[in-house]
Amino acid sequence: MKKLILSAMLLVSTAAFASDWEYVFGSDQWEDNSASAGLAKGDELLVVSANVGSGKDGKQRLYIEQALVKPEEKVVKFLCEKSEDDDRTVLNINGTNVQFSKDCIELPNGEGSYISLTPISDAGVEFVLKQFRQRNSVTINIWSVPVSITAKGFNDSWNNFGGDAL
């Protein structure tokens, strides 16, 4: 995620943006087990990425991560705190509400934090995976803002990740 955020900072100019969130970049296809998109509003950049990774339980999972970046200052804003009690949230994925577990990931040296989400139920996992497997893109509503993430190359990323840990 840190690599993604730093790349996003380089892609965004310091020009003023419109008052609404404006699409500024997105992955053409999945690379290194992830795809992302960025939207700007004022001097902030919302970076949303989808990643294939391993969960604490050792199972292969799909994660949705979101960070709010201030490109001019080259900092990630604090979106959450590890002590936060709300460890669940609902995201709308291609028009369907799905419940996700929510984890706050703090960057080293107090550089900020970002939110990492993964579907909770088996039905939610299967629904989200099906969206990425069968579509060209998946729309995720973050703060009522639709963010489109490419699904091109997802199947290769998922299939080549290595599966559940022993």
N, C-alpha and C. Protein backbone atom coordinates (compact mmCIF):
# COMPACT_ATOMS: atom_id res chain seq x y z
N MET A 1 0.83 -1.19 0.00
CA MET A 1 0.00 0.00 0.00
C MET A 1 0.87 1.25 0.00
N LYS A 2 1.98 1.23 0.75
CA LYS A 2 2.84 2.40 0.83
C LYS A 2 3.40 2.73 -0.56
N LYS A 3 3.78 1.69 -1.32
CA LYS A 3 4.30 1.89 -2.68
C LYS A 3 3.21 2.53 -3.55
N LEU A 4 1.97 2.05 -3.40
CA LEU A 4 0.85 2.58 -4.16
C LEU A 4 0.62 4.06 -3.82
N ILE A 5 0.65 4.38 -2.55
CA ILE A 5 0.41 5.76 -2.12
C ILE A 5 1.50 6.69 -2.66
N LEU A 6 2.75 6.26 -2.57
CA LEU A 6 3.84 7.08 -3.09
C LEU A 6 3.71 7.28 -4.59
N SER A 7 3.31 6.23 -5.31
CA SER A 7 3.10 6.36 -6.76
C SER A 7 1.98 7.34 -7.05
N ALA A 8 0.92 7.27 -6.25
CA ALA A 8 -0.21 8.17 -6.45
C ALA A 8 0.21 9.62 -6.25
N MET A 9 1.06 9.87 -5.28
CA MET A 9 1.52 11.23 -5.03
C MET A 9 2.26 11.79 -6.24
N LEU A 10 2.99 10.95 -6.92
CA LEU A 10 3.73 11.40 -8.09
C LEU A 10 2.82 11.66 -9.28
N LEU A 11 1.69 10.95 -9.35
CA LEU A 11 0.78 11.09 -10.49
C LEU A 11 -0.09 12.33 -10.43
N VAL A 12 -0.29 12.86 -9.26
CA VAL A 12 -1.22 13.96 -9.09
C VAL A 12 -0.48 15.29 -9.11
N SER A 13 -0.95 16.19 -9.94
CA SER A 13 -0.33 17.52 -9.97
C SER A 13 -0.84 18.34 -8.80
N THR A 14 -0.25 19.48 -8.60
CA THR A 14 -0.65 20.33 -7.48
C THR A 14 -1.76 21.30 -7.87
N ALA A 15 -2.34 21.11 -9.04
CA ALA A 15 -3.42 22.00 -9.49
C ALA A 15 -4.65 21.82 -8.60
N ALA A 16 -5.46 22.87 -8.55
CA ALA A 16 -6.69 22.82 -7.77
C ALA A 16 -7.69 21.91 -8.49
N PHE A 17 -8.50 21.19 -7.72
CA PHE A 17 -9.48 20.28 -8.28
C PHE A 17 -10.88 20.83 -8.05
N ALA A 18 -11.83 20.28 -8.78
CA ALA A 18 -13.22 20.67 -8.63
C ALA A 18 -13.71 20.31 -7.23
N SER A 19 -14.84 20.86 -6.84
CA SER A 19 -15.34 20.63 -5.49
C SER A 19 -15.79 19.19 -5.26
N ASP A 20 -16.18 18.47 -6.29
CA ASP A 20 -16.56 17.06 -6.14
C ASP A 20 -15.38 16.15 -6.43
N TRP A 21 -15.48 14.91 -5.96
CA TRP A 21 -14.41 13.95 -6.22
C TRP A 21 -14.28 13.75 -7.72
N GLU A 22 -13.06 13.81 -8.19
CA GLU A 22 -12.78 13.70 -9.63
C GLU A 22 -11.79 12.56 -9.85
N TYR A 23 -12.14 11.68 -10.78
CA TYR A 23 -11.29 10.54 -11.11
C TYR A 23 -9.97 11.05 -11.70
N VAL A 24 -8.82 10.60 -11.14
CA VAL A 24 -7.53 11.06 -11.65
C VAL A 24 -6.61 9.94 -12.13
N PHE A 25 -6.80 8.72 -11.64
CA PHE A 25 -6.02 7.60 -12.17
C PHE A 25 -6.66 6.28 -11.81
N GLY A 26 -6.30 5.26 -12.56
CA GLY A 26 -6.76 3.91 -12.26
C GLY A 26 -5.89 2.90 -12.98
N SER A 27 -5.74 1.75 -12.39
CA SER A 27 -4.98 0.67 -13.01
C SER A 27 -5.70 0.20 -14.26
N ASP A 28 -4.93 -0.11 -15.30
CA ASP A 28 -5.51 -0.69 -16.52
C ASP A 28 -5.81 -2.17 -16.31
N GLN A 29 -5.00 -2.82 -15.48
CA GLN A 29 -5.21 -4.22 -15.16
C GLN A 29 -4.49 -4.55 -13.85
N TRP A 30 -4.77 -5.72 -13.31
CA TRP A 30 -4.15 -6.15 -12.07
C TRP A 30 -2.68 -6.43 -12.29
N GLU A 31 -1.83 -5.90 -11.41
CA GLU A 31 -0.40 -6.18 -11.42
C GLU A 31 0.04 -6.35 -9.97
N ASP A 32 0.97 -7.26 -9.74
CA ASP A 32 1.47 -7.52 -8.38
C ASP A 32 0.33 -7.76 -7.40
N ASN A 33 -0.67 -8.51 -7.85
CA ASN A 33 -1.83 -8.89 -7.03
C ASN A 33 -2.69 -7.72 -6.57
N SER A 34 -2.70 -6.62 -7.33
CA SER A 34 -3.56 -5.51 -6.93
C SER A 34 -3.94 -4.62 -8.11
N ALA A 35 -4.97 -3.84 -7.90
CA ALA A 35 -5.41 -2.81 -8.84
C ALA A 35 -5.92 -1.65 -8.00
N SER A 36 -5.85 -0.44 -8.53
CA SER A 36 -6.24 0.72 -7.73
C SER A 36 -6.85 1.82 -8.58
N ALA A 37 -7.43 2.79 -7.90
CA ALA A 37 -7.97 3.99 -8.52
C ALA A 37 -7.78 5.14 -7.55
N GLY A 38 -7.71 6.34 -8.09
CA GLY A 38 -7.57 7.53 -7.27
C GLY A 38 -8.54 8.61 -7.69
N LEU A 39 -9.13 9.27 -6.71
CA LEU A 39 -10.03 10.38 -6.94
C LEU A 39 -9.57 11.56 -6.12
N ALA A 40 -9.63 12.73 -6.70
CA ALA A 40 -9.17 13.93 -6.00
C ALA A 40 -10.34 14.85 -5.68
N LYS A 41 -10.17 15.55 -4.55
CA LYS A 41 -11.11 16.59 -4.14
C LYS A 41 -10.28 17.61 -3.37
N GLY A 42 -10.25 18.82 -3.87
CA GLY A 42 -9.41 19.83 -3.22
C GLY A 42 -7.97 19.39 -3.25
N ASP A 43 -7.32 19.41 -2.10
CA ASP A 43 -5.91 19.01 -2.03
C ASP A 43 -5.74 17.59 -1.50
N GLU A 44 -6.83 16.80 -1.53
CA GLU A 44 -6.76 15.43 -1.04
C GLU A 44 -6.99 14.43 -2.16
N LEU A 45 -6.39 13.26 -2.01
CA LEU A 45 -6.51 12.19 -2.98
C LEU A 45 -7.01 10.95 -2.25
N LEU A 46 -8.15 10.42 -2.66
CA LEU A 46 -8.69 9.17 -2.14
C LEU A 46 -8.13 8.06 -3.00
N VAL A 47 -7.34 7.16 -2.40
CA VAL A 47 -6.76 6.03 -3.11
C VAL A 47 -7.48 4.77 -2.62
N VAL A 48 -8.07 4.03 -3.56
CA VAL A 48 -8.76 2.79 -3.24
C VAL A 48 -8.08 1.69 -4.03
N SER A 49 -7.73 0.61 -3.33
CA SER A 49 -7.09 -0.51 -4.03
C SER A 49 -7.77 -1.81 -3.62
N ALA A 50 -7.72 -2.77 -4.53
CA ALA A 50 -8.17 -4.12 -4.26
C ALA A 50 -6.92 -4.99 -4.35
N ASN A 51 -6.73 -5.86 -3.36
CA ASN A 51 -5.51 -6.67 -3.27
C ASN A 51 -5.84 -8.10 -2.92
N VAL A 52 -5.06 -9.03 -3.46
CA VAL A 52 -5.13 -10.42 -3.05
C VAL A 52 -4.05 -10.61 -1.99
N GLY A 53 -4.40 -11.20 -0.87
CA GLY A 53 -3.44 -11.41 0.21
C GLY A 53 -3.85 -12.56 1.10
N SER A 54 -3.10 -12.76 2.16
CA SER A 54 -3.41 -13.81 3.13
C SER A 54 -3.95 -13.17 4.40
N GLY A 55 -5.02 -13.75 4.93
CA GLY A 55 -5.60 -13.25 6.16
C GLY A 55 -4.88 -13.79 7.38
N LYS A 56 -5.25 -13.30 8.54
CA LYS A 56 -4.67 -13.77 9.80
C LYS A 56 -4.92 -15.26 10.00
N ASP A 57 -5.99 -15.76 9.38
CA ASP A 57 -6.32 -17.18 9.47
C ASP A 57 -5.57 -18.03 8.43
N GLY A 58 -4.73 -17.39 7.62
CA GLY A 58 -3.96 -18.11 6.60
C GLY A 58 -4.71 -18.32 5.30
N LYS A 59 -5.97 -17.89 5.23
CA LYS A 59 -6.75 -18.07 4.01
C LYS A 59 -6.47 -16.96 3.01
N GLN A 60 -6.47 -17.34 1.75
CA GLN A 60 -6.33 -16.35 0.68
C GLN A 60 -7.58 -15.48 0.68
N ARG A 61 -7.39 -14.16 0.62
CA ARG A 61 -8.51 -13.23 0.71
C ARG A 61 -8.35 -12.08 -0.27
N LEU A 62 -9.47 -11.44 -0.53
CA LEU A 62 -9.47 -10.20 -1.29
C LEU A 62 -9.67 -9.06 -0.31
N TYR A 63 -8.82 -8.05 -0.38
CA TYR A 63 -8.90 -6.89 0.50
C TYR A 63 -9.20 -5.64 -0.31
N ILE A 64 -10.02 -4.78 0.25
CA ILE A 64 -10.27 -3.44 -0.29
C ILE A 64 -9.61 -2.49 0.70
N GLU A 65 -8.72 -1.64 0.20
CA GLU A 65 -8.02 -0.71 1.08
C GLU A 65 -8.29 0.71 0.62
N GLN A 66 -8.40 1.60 1.59
CA GLN A 66 -8.60 3.01 1.26
C GLN A 66 -7.70 3.89 2.11
N ALA A 67 -7.14 4.88 1.43
CA ALA A 67 -6.27 5.84 2.10
C ALA A 67 -6.61 7.23 1.58
N LEU A 68 -6.41 8.21 2.40
CA LEU A 68 -6.59 9.59 2.02
C LEU A 68 -5.23 10.26 2.08
N VAL A 69 -4.77 10.74 0.93
CA VAL A 69 -3.41 11.26 0.79
C VAL A 69 -3.46 12.76 0.53
N LYS A 70 -2.50 13.48 1.11
CA LYS A 70 -2.31 14.89 0.78
C LYS A 70 -1.03 14.95 -0.06
N PRO A 71 -1.16 14.87 -1.40
CA PRO A 71 0.02 14.77 -2.27
C PRO A 71 1.03 15.90 -2.10
N GLU A 72 0.56 17.13 -1.93
CA GLU A 72 1.51 18.25 -1.80
C GLU A 72 2.39 18.10 -0.56
N GLU A 73 1.81 17.56 0.51
CA GLU A 73 2.55 17.40 1.75
C GLU A 73 3.22 16.03 1.84
N LYS A 74 2.90 15.14 0.86
CA LYS A 74 3.44 13.78 0.82
C LYS A 74 3.17 13.04 2.13
N VAL A 75 1.91 13.14 2.60
CA VAL A 75 1.52 12.45 3.81
C VAL A 75 0.21 11.70 3.59
N VAL A 76 0.04 10.65 4.36
CA VAL A 76 -1.21 9.90 4.40
C VAL A 76 -1.95 10.38 5.64
N LYS A 77 -3.18 10.80 5.47
CA LYS A 77 -3.96 11.25 6.62
C LYS A 77 -4.36 10.06 7.48
N PHE A 78 -4.66 10.33 8.71
CA PHE A 78 -5.13 9.30 9.61
C PHE A 78 -6.62 9.09 9.36
N LEU A 79 -6.98 7.93 8.82
CA LEU A 79 -8.38 7.61 8.58
C LEU A 79 -9.01 6.86 9.74
N CYS A 80 -8.18 6.31 10.61
CA CYS A 80 -8.70 5.49 11.68
C CYS A 80 -7.65 5.39 12.78
N GLU A 81 -8.04 4.77 13.87
CA GLU A 81 -7.11 4.49 14.95
C GLU A 81 -7.30 3.04 15.34
N LYS A 82 -6.20 2.37 15.70
CA LYS A 82 -6.26 0.95 16.05
C LYS A 82 -7.22 0.67 17.20
N SER A 83 -7.45 1.65 18.07
CA SER A 83 -8.34 1.44 19.21
C SER A 83 -9.82 1.55 18.83
N GLU A 84 -10.07 1.85 17.57
CA GLU A 84 -11.44 2.03 17.12
C GLU A 84 -12.29 0.79 17.39
N ASP A 85 -13.50 0.96 17.91
CA ASP A 85 -14.35 -0.17 18.22
C ASP A 85 -15.12 -0.69 17.01
N ASP A 86 -15.40 0.17 16.03
CA ASP A 86 -16.21 -0.32 14.92
C ASP A 86 -15.32 -1.09 13.95
N ASP A 87 -15.43 -2.41 14.04
CA ASP A 87 -14.58 -3.27 13.23
C ASP A 87 -15.33 -3.90 12.07
N ARG A 88 -16.51 -3.36 11.77
CA ARG A 88 -17.32 -3.83 10.64
C ARG A 88 -17.90 -2.63 9.92
N THR A 89 -18.13 -2.82 8.63
CA THR A 89 -18.78 -1.79 7.84
C THR A 89 -19.46 -2.46 6.66
N VAL A 90 -20.31 -1.72 5.98
CA VAL A 90 -20.98 -2.22 4.79
C VAL A 90 -20.51 -1.39 3.60
N LEU A 91 -20.08 -2.08 2.55
CA LEU A 91 -19.74 -1.42 1.29
C LEU A 91 -20.73 -1.88 0.24
N ASN A 92 -21.07 -0.98 -0.66
CA ASN A 92 -21.92 -1.34 -1.78
C ASN A 92 -21.01 -1.72 -2.94
N ILE A 93 -21.12 -2.97 -3.38
CA ILE A 93 -20.30 -3.51 -4.46
C ILE A 93 -21.22 -3.79 -5.64
N ASN A 94 -21.04 -3.08 -6.73
CA ASN A 94 -21.88 -3.25 -7.93
C ASN A 94 -23.36 -3.30 -7.59
N GLY A 95 -23.80 -2.43 -6.69
CA GLY A 95 -25.21 -2.30 -6.36
C GLY A 95 -25.71 -3.20 -5.25
N THR A 96 -24.85 -4.03 -4.66
CA THR A 96 -25.25 -4.94 -3.59
C THR A 96 -24.47 -4.62 -2.33
N ASN A 97 -25.14 -4.50 -1.20
CA ASN A 97 -24.48 -4.25 0.07
C ASN A 97 -23.82 -5.53 0.58
N VAL A 98 -22.56 -5.39 1.00
CA VAL A 98 -21.80 -6.52 1.52
C VAL A 98 -21.15 -6.07 2.82
N GLN A 99 -21.25 -6.94 3.86
CA GLN A 99 -20.63 -6.61 5.13
C GLN A 99 -19.15 -7.00 5.11
N PHE A 100 -18.30 -6.09 5.58
CA PHE A 100 -16.86 -6.27 5.59
C PHE A 100 -16.32 -6.12 7.01
N SER A 101 -15.27 -6.87 7.31
CA SER A 101 -14.52 -6.58 8.53
C SER A 101 -13.57 -5.44 8.20
N LYS A 102 -13.27 -4.65 9.20
CA LYS A 102 -12.50 -3.42 8.97
C LYS A 102 -11.32 -3.41 9.93
N ASP A 103 -10.14 -3.16 9.38
CA ASP A 103 -8.94 -3.11 10.21
C ASP A 103 -8.21 -1.81 9.91
N CYS A 104 -7.69 -1.20 10.94
CA CYS A 104 -6.90 0.01 10.79
C CYS A 104 -5.42 -0.38 10.71
N ILE A 105 -4.78 0.02 9.63
CA ILE A 105 -3.36 -0.27 9.44
C ILE A 105 -2.59 1.03 9.61
N GLU A 106 -1.75 1.07 10.63
CA GLU A 106 -0.95 2.28 10.86
C GLU A 106 0.39 2.13 10.16
N LEU A 107 0.77 3.18 9.45
CA LEU A 107 2.06 3.18 8.76
C LEU A 107 3.16 3.44 9.77
N PRO A 108 4.37 2.96 9.49
CA PRO A 108 5.47 3.16 10.44
C PRO A 108 5.80 4.64 10.66
N ASN A 109 6.40 4.92 11.78
CA ASN A 109 6.88 6.27 12.11
C ASN A 109 5.77 7.31 12.16
N GLY A 110 4.53 6.88 12.45
CA GLY A 110 3.44 7.84 12.56
C GLY A 110 3.10 8.54 11.27
N GLU A 111 3.32 7.88 10.13
CA GLU A 111 3.10 8.49 8.81
C GLU A 111 1.65 8.48 8.37
N GLY A 112 0.74 7.99 9.19
CA GLY A 112 -0.67 7.97 8.83
C GLY A 112 -1.25 6.58 9.00
N SER A 113 -2.48 6.41 8.53
CA SER A 113 -3.13 5.11 8.61
C SER A 113 -4.07 4.96 7.43
N TYR A 114 -4.40 3.71 7.12
CA TYR A 114 -5.38 3.45 6.08
C TYR A 114 -6.28 2.31 6.55
N ILE A 115 -7.40 2.15 5.86
CA ILE A 115 -8.38 1.15 6.23
C ILE A 115 -8.27 -0.05 5.29
N SER A 116 -8.26 -1.24 5.87
CA SER A 116 -8.24 -2.48 5.12
C SER A 116 -9.52 -3.26 5.42
N LEU A 117 -10.22 -3.67 4.38
CA LEU A 117 -11.51 -4.34 4.53
C LEU A 117 -11.52 -5.66 3.77
N THR A 118 -12.20 -6.66 4.32
CA THR A 118 -12.39 -7.93 3.64
C THR A 118 -13.79 -8.44 3.98
N PRO A 119 -14.47 -9.07 3.02
CA PRO A 119 -15.83 -9.56 3.30
C PRO A 119 -15.84 -10.52 4.48
N ILE A 120 -16.93 -10.47 5.28
CA ILE A 120 -17.03 -11.28 6.49
C ILE A 120 -17.62 -12.66 6.20
N SER A 121 -18.77 -12.71 5.56
CA SER A 121 -19.47 -13.98 5.39
C SER A 121 -18.97 -14.72 4.14
N ASP A 122 -19.20 -16.02 4.12
CA ASP A 122 -18.86 -16.81 2.93
C ASP A 122 -19.62 -16.30 1.71
N ALA A 123 -20.90 -15.94 1.91
CA ALA A 123 -21.70 -15.41 0.81
C ALA A 123 -21.12 -14.09 0.30
N GLY A 124 -20.67 -13.24 1.21
CA GLY A 124 -20.04 -11.98 0.82
C GLY A 124 -18.75 -12.19 0.06
N VAL A 125 -17.93 -13.13 0.54
CA VAL A 125 -16.67 -13.45 -0.15
C VAL A 125 -16.97 -13.93 -1.56
N GLU A 126 -17.89 -14.87 -1.69
CA GLU A 126 -18.21 -15.43 -3.01
C GLU A 126 -18.78 -14.38 -3.95
N PHE A 127 -19.65 -13.49 -3.41
CA PHE A 127 -20.23 -12.43 -4.24
C PHE A 127 -19.15 -11.50 -4.78
N VAL A 128 -18.27 -11.03 -3.91
CA VAL A 128 -17.24 -10.08 -4.34
C VAL A 128 -16.28 -10.75 -5.32
N LEU A 129 -15.87 -11.96 -5.03
CA LEU A 129 -14.98 -12.68 -5.96
C LEU A 129 -15.65 -12.86 -7.32
N LYS A 130 -16.93 -13.20 -7.32
CA LYS A 130 -17.67 -13.37 -8.58
C LYS A 130 -17.68 -12.07 -9.39
N GLN A 131 -17.83 -10.93 -8.70
CA GLN A 131 -17.83 -9.64 -9.41
C GLN A 131 -16.50 -9.41 -10.12
N PHE A 132 -15.40 -9.68 -9.41
CA PHE A 132 -14.08 -9.49 -10.02
C PHE A 132 -13.79 -10.54 -11.10
N ARG A 133 -14.32 -11.75 -10.94
CA ARG A 133 -14.07 -12.81 -11.92
C ARG A 133 -14.85 -12.63 -13.21
N GLN A 134 -16.05 -12.06 -13.13
CA GLN A 134 -16.95 -12.06 -14.28
C GLN A 134 -17.18 -10.70 -14.93
N ARG A 135 -16.59 -9.66 -14.42
CA ARG A 135 -16.83 -8.32 -14.97
C ARG A 135 -15.52 -7.68 -15.41
N ASN A 136 -15.63 -6.61 -16.18
CA ASN A 136 -14.45 -5.85 -16.58
C ASN A 136 -14.01 -4.89 -15.49
N SER A 137 -14.97 -4.46 -14.66
CA SER A 137 -14.65 -3.56 -13.55
C SER A 137 -15.66 -3.78 -12.44
N VAL A 138 -15.28 -3.34 -11.25
CA VAL A 138 -16.14 -3.46 -10.07
C VAL A 138 -16.26 -2.06 -9.46
N THR A 139 -17.49 -1.64 -9.19
CA THR A 139 -17.72 -0.33 -8.59
C THR A 139 -17.98 -0.50 -7.10
N ILE A 140 -17.17 0.20 -6.32
CA ILE A 140 -17.25 0.17 -4.86
C ILE A 140 -17.62 1.57 -4.40
N ASN A 141 -18.66 1.70 -3.59
CA ASN A 141 -19.02 3.01 -3.06
C ASN A 141 -18.27 3.24 -1.76
N ILE A 142 -17.39 4.23 -1.76
CA ILE A 142 -16.62 4.64 -0.59
C ILE A 142 -17.11 6.05 -0.24
N TRP A 143 -17.66 6.23 0.93
CA TRP A 143 -18.20 7.52 1.37
C TRP A 143 -19.22 8.05 0.36
N SER A 144 -20.05 7.18 -0.18
CA SER A 144 -21.05 7.51 -1.21
C SER A 144 -20.42 7.97 -2.52
N VAL A 145 -19.16 7.70 -2.69
CA VAL A 145 -18.45 8.03 -3.93
C VAL A 145 -18.19 6.73 -4.69
N PRO A 146 -18.73 6.59 -5.92
CA PRO A 146 -18.46 5.38 -6.67
C PRO A 146 -17.03 5.35 -7.21
N VAL A 147 -16.31 4.28 -6.88
CA VAL A 147 -14.93 4.11 -7.32
C VAL A 147 -14.88 2.83 -8.15
N SER A 148 -14.44 2.95 -9.39
CA SER A 148 -14.37 1.81 -10.28
C SER A 148 -12.96 1.24 -10.30
N ILE A 149 -12.85 -0.07 -10.00
CA ILE A 149 -11.57 -0.77 -10.01
C ILE A 149 -11.62 -1.80 -11.14
N THR A 150 -10.58 -1.82 -11.97
CA THR A 150 -10.55 -2.79 -13.05
C THR A 150 -10.54 -4.21 -12.52
N ALA A 151 -11.15 -5.12 -13.26
CA ALA A 151 -11.12 -6.55 -12.93
C ALA A 151 -10.24 -7.30 -13.92
N LYS A 152 -9.71 -6.61 -14.90
CA LYS A 152 -8.87 -7.25 -15.91
C LYS A 152 -7.59 -7.78 -15.26
N GLY A 153 -7.36 -9.07 -15.41
CA GLY A 153 -6.19 -9.69 -14.82
C GLY A 153 -6.42 -10.22 -13.42
N PHE A 154 -7.63 -10.01 -12.86
CA PHE A 154 -7.90 -10.49 -11.51
C PHE A 154 -7.75 -12.00 -11.41
N ASN A 155 -8.34 -12.73 -12.35
CA ASN A 155 -8.32 -14.19 -12.27
C ASN A 155 -6.89 -14.73 -12.22
N ASP A 156 -5.99 -14.16 -13.02
CA ASP A 156 -4.59 -14.58 -12.97
C ASP A 156 -3.97 -14.27 -11.61
N SER A 157 -4.23 -13.08 -11.08
CA SER A 157 -3.69 -12.72 -9.77
C SER A 157 -4.20 -13.67 -8.69
N TRP A 158 -5.51 -13.93 -8.70
CA TRP A 158 -6.11 -14.80 -7.69
C TRP A 158 -5.55 -16.22 -7.81
N ASN A 159 -5.53 -16.75 -9.03
CA ASN A 159 -5.10 -18.13 -9.24
C ASN A 159 -3.62 -18.35 -9.00
N ASN A 160 -2.80 -17.32 -9.20
CA ASN A 160 -1.37 -17.46 -9.04
C ASN A 160 -0.84 -17.04 -7.67
N PHE A 161 -1.73 -16.59 -6.78
CA PHE A 161 -1.27 -16.12 -5.48
C PHE A 161 -0.69 -17.23 -4.62
N GLY A 162 -1.23 -18.42 -4.72
CA GLY A 162 -0.68 -19.54 -3.96
C GLY A 162 -1.66 -20.24 -3.05
N GLY A 163 -2.86 -19.69 -2.90
CA GLY A 163 -3.89 -20.33 -2.09
C GLY A 163 -3.70 -20.15 -0.60
N ASP A 164 -4.47 -20.93 0.14
CA ASP A 164 -4.44 -20.86 1.60
C ASP A 164 -3.10 -21.37 2.13
N ALA A 165 -2.66 -20.81 3.24
CA ALA A 165 -1.41 -21.24 3.88
C ALA A 165 -1.65 -22.58 4.59
N LEU A 166 -0.60 -23.36 4.63
CA LEU A 166 -0.68 -24.68 5.31
C LEU A 166 -0.72 -24.51 6.81
